[in-house]
Amino acid sequence: MTTEQTEALIGMTVVVAILVLLALPSALGVIRDRRIDRQIREAQEERGSRTAREDQKSSSRSTVPSTATWYAEGRRSKKLVSS
């Protein structure tokens, strides 16, 4: 391997490393958002099935939204405002 080839290999390695460093935070953010969205979806489905069961029981007690539901509603409103 000649000196020029070695320099070119080092240069390409540096460019790829910089690209990875720039793209990594974005990729981690996307992964985190998907995990949060999945948790919100699961909480909504759980709330829906729980509501259906409570309707069948015809219980008169008031329900308090869970923390996940509160978070989901806040997150949804922030998305609408920032759009």
C-alpha atoms as a PDB file:
ATOM      1  CA  MET A   1       0.000   0.000   0.000  1.00  0.00           C
ATOM      2  CA  THR A   2       1.413   3.368  -1.020  1.00  0.00           C
ATOM      3  CA  THR A   3       1.435   6.525   1.044  1.00  0.00           C
ATOM      4  CA  GLU A   4      -1.361   8.055  -1.065  1.00  0.00           C
ATOM      5  CA  GLN A   5      -3.586   5.019  -0.542  1.00  0.00           C
ATOM      6  CA  THR A   6      -2.942   5.084   3.198  1.00  0.00           C
ATOM      7  CA  GLU A   7      -3.802   8.796   3.370  1.00  0.00           C
ATOM      8  CA  ALA A   8      -6.970   8.203   1.348  1.00  0.00           C
ATOM      9  CA  LEU A   9      -7.997   5.339   3.668  1.00  0.00           C
ATOM     10  CA  ILE A  10      -7.402   7.492   6.744  1.00  0.00           C
ATOM     11  CA  GLY A  11      -9.380  10.352   5.172  1.00  0.00           C
ATOM     12  CA  MET A  12     -12.337   8.098   4.336  1.00  0.00           C
ATOM     13  CA  THR A  13     -12.269   6.633   7.839  1.00  0.00           C
ATOM     14  CA  VAL A  14     -12.372  10.124   9.359  1.00  0.00           C
ATOM     15  CA  VAL A  15     -15.267  11.178   7.112  1.00  0.00           C
ATOM     16  CA  VAL A  16     -17.265   8.035   7.976  1.00  0.00           C
ATOM     17  CA  ALA A  17     -16.565   8.554  11.692  1.00  0.00           C
ATOM     18  CA  ILE A  18     -17.801  12.157  11.503  1.00  0.00           C
ATOM     19  CA  LEU A  19     -20.916  11.008   9.638  1.00  0.00           C
ATOM     20  CA  VAL A  20     -21.640   8.410  12.319  1.00  0.00           C
ATOM     21  CA  LEU A  21     -21.154  10.989  15.093  1.00  0.00           C
ATOM     22  CA  LEU A  22     -23.593  13.346  13.383  1.00  0.00           C
ATOM     23  CA  ALA A  23     -26.232  10.697  12.653  1.00  0.00           C
ATOM     24  CA  LEU A  24     -26.069   8.854  15.990  1.00  0.00           C
ATOM     25  CA  PRO A  25     -28.082  11.338  18.111  1.00  0.00           C
ATOM     26  CA  SER A  26     -30.813  11.443  15.491  1.00  0.00           C
ATOM     27  CA  ALA A  27     -31.018   7.649  15.289  1.00  0.00           C
ATOM     28  CA  LEU A  28     -31.142   7.348  19.074  1.00  0.00           C
ATOM     29  CA  GLY A  29     -33.950   9.946  19.179  1.00  0.00           C
ATOM     30  CA  VAL A  30     -35.993   8.007  16.620  1.00  0.00           C
ATOM     31  CA  ILE A  31     -35.548   4.784  18.602  1.00  0.00           C
ATOM     32  CA  ARG A  32     -36.582   6.532  21.828  1.00  0.00           C
ATOM     33  CA  ASP A  33     -39.677   8.087  20.187  1.00  0.00           C
ATOM     34  CA  ARG A  34     -40.771   4.706  18.820  1.00  0.00           C
ATOM     35  CA  ARG A  35     -40.420   3.145  22.278  1.00  0.00           C
ATOM     36  CA  ILE A  36     -42.473   5.943  23.850  1.00  0.00           C
ATOM     37  CA  ASP A  37     -45.116   5.703  21.113  1.00  0.00           C
ATOM     38  CA  ARG A  38     -45.357   1.932  21.694  1.00  0.00           C
ATOM     39  CA  GLN A  39     -45.831   2.492  25.426  1.00  0.00           C
ATOM     40  CA  ILE A  40     -48.540   5.076  24.741  1.00  0.00           C
ATOM     41  CA  ARG A  41     -50.317   2.721  22.339  1.00  0.00           C
ATOM     42  CA  GLU A  42     -50.193  -0.111  24.880  1.00  0.00           C
ATOM     43  CA  ALA A  43     -51.557   2.182  27.597  1.00  0.00           C
ATOM     44  CA  GLN A  44     -54.409   3.296  25.332  1.00  0.00           C
ATOM     45  CA  GLU A  45     -55.266  -0.297  24.442  1.00  0.00           C
ATOM     46  CA  GLU A  46     -55.178  -1.267  28.122  1.00  0.00           C
ATOM     47  CA  ARG A  47     -57.392   1.682  28.983  1.00  0.00           C
ATOM     48  CA  GLY A  48     -59.813   0.738  26.196  1.00  0.00           C
ATOM     49  CA  SER A  49     -60.106  -2.871  27.332  1.00  0.00           C
ATOM     50  CA  ARG A  50     -60.419  -1.775  30.960  1.00  0.00           C
ATOM     51  CA  THR A  51     -63.185   0.684  30.007  1.00  0.00           C
ATOM     52  CA  ALA A  52     -65.032  -2.051  28.132  1.00  0.00           C
ATOM     53  CA  ARG A  53     -64.820  -4.340  31.177  1.00  0.00           C
ATOM     54  CA  GLU A  54     -66.016  -1.555  33.474  1.00  0.00           C
ATOM     55  CA  ASP A  55     -68.951  -0.867  31.165  1.00  0.00           C
ATOM     56  CA  GLN A  56     -69.934  -4.518  31.411  1.00  0.00           C
ATOM     57  CA  LYS A  57     -69.765  -4.319  35.200  1.00  0.00           C
ATOM     58  CA  SER A  58     -71.697  -1.019  35.072  1.00  0.00           C
ATOM     59  CA  SER A  59     -69.625   0.346  37.908  1.00  0.00           C
ATOM     60  CA  SER A  60     -70.349   3.884  39.056  1.00  0.00           C
ATOM     61  CA  ARG A  61     -66.912   4.743  40.421  1.00  0.00           C
ATOM     62  CA  SER A  62     -64.971   7.541  38.751  1.00  0.00           C
ATOM     63  CA  THR A  63     -61.783   6.652  36.903  1.00  0.00           C
ATOM     64  CA  VAL A  64     -58.556   8.586  37.187  1.00  0.00           C
ATOM     65  CA  PRO A  65     -56.347   8.601  34.083  1.00  0.00           C
ATOM     66  CA  SER A  66     -53.066   6.771  34.448  1.00  0.00           C
ATOM     67  CA  THR A  67     -49.721   8.524  34.212  1.00  0.00           C
ATOM     68  CA  ALA A  68     -49.156   7.003  30.769  1.00  0.00           C
ATOM     69  CA  THR A  69     -52.470   8.435  29.538  1.00  0.00           C
ATOM     70  CA  TRP A  70     -51.657  11.854  30.967  1.00  0.00           C
ATOM     71  CA  TYR A  71     -48.240  11.725  29.297  1.00  0.00           C
ATOM     72  CA  ALA A  72     -49.765  10.626  25.979  1.00  0.00           C
ATOM     73  CA  GLU A  73     -52.269  13.479  25.965  1.00  0.00           C
ATOM     74  CA  GLY A  74     -49.549  16.014  26.808  1.00  0.00           C
ATOM     75  CA  ARG A  75     -47.266  14.615  24.129  1.00  0.00           C
ATOM     76  CA  ARG A  76     -50.067  14.681  21.554  1.00  0.00           C
ATOM     77  CA  SER A  77     -50.885  18.330  22.324  1.00  0.00           C
ATOM     78  CA  LYS A  78     -47.205  19.304  22.044  1.00  0.00           C
ATOM     79  CA  LYS A  79     -46.999  17.669  18.613  1.00  0.00           C
ATOM     80  CA  LEU A  80     -50.047  19.621  17.459  1.00  0.00           C
ATOM     81  CA  VAL A  81     -48.628  22.914  18.713  1.00  0.00           C
ATOM     82  CA  SER A  82     -45.177  22.401  17.218  1.00  0.00           C
ATOM     83  CA  SER A  83     -46.516  21.348  13.793  1.00  0.00           C
END
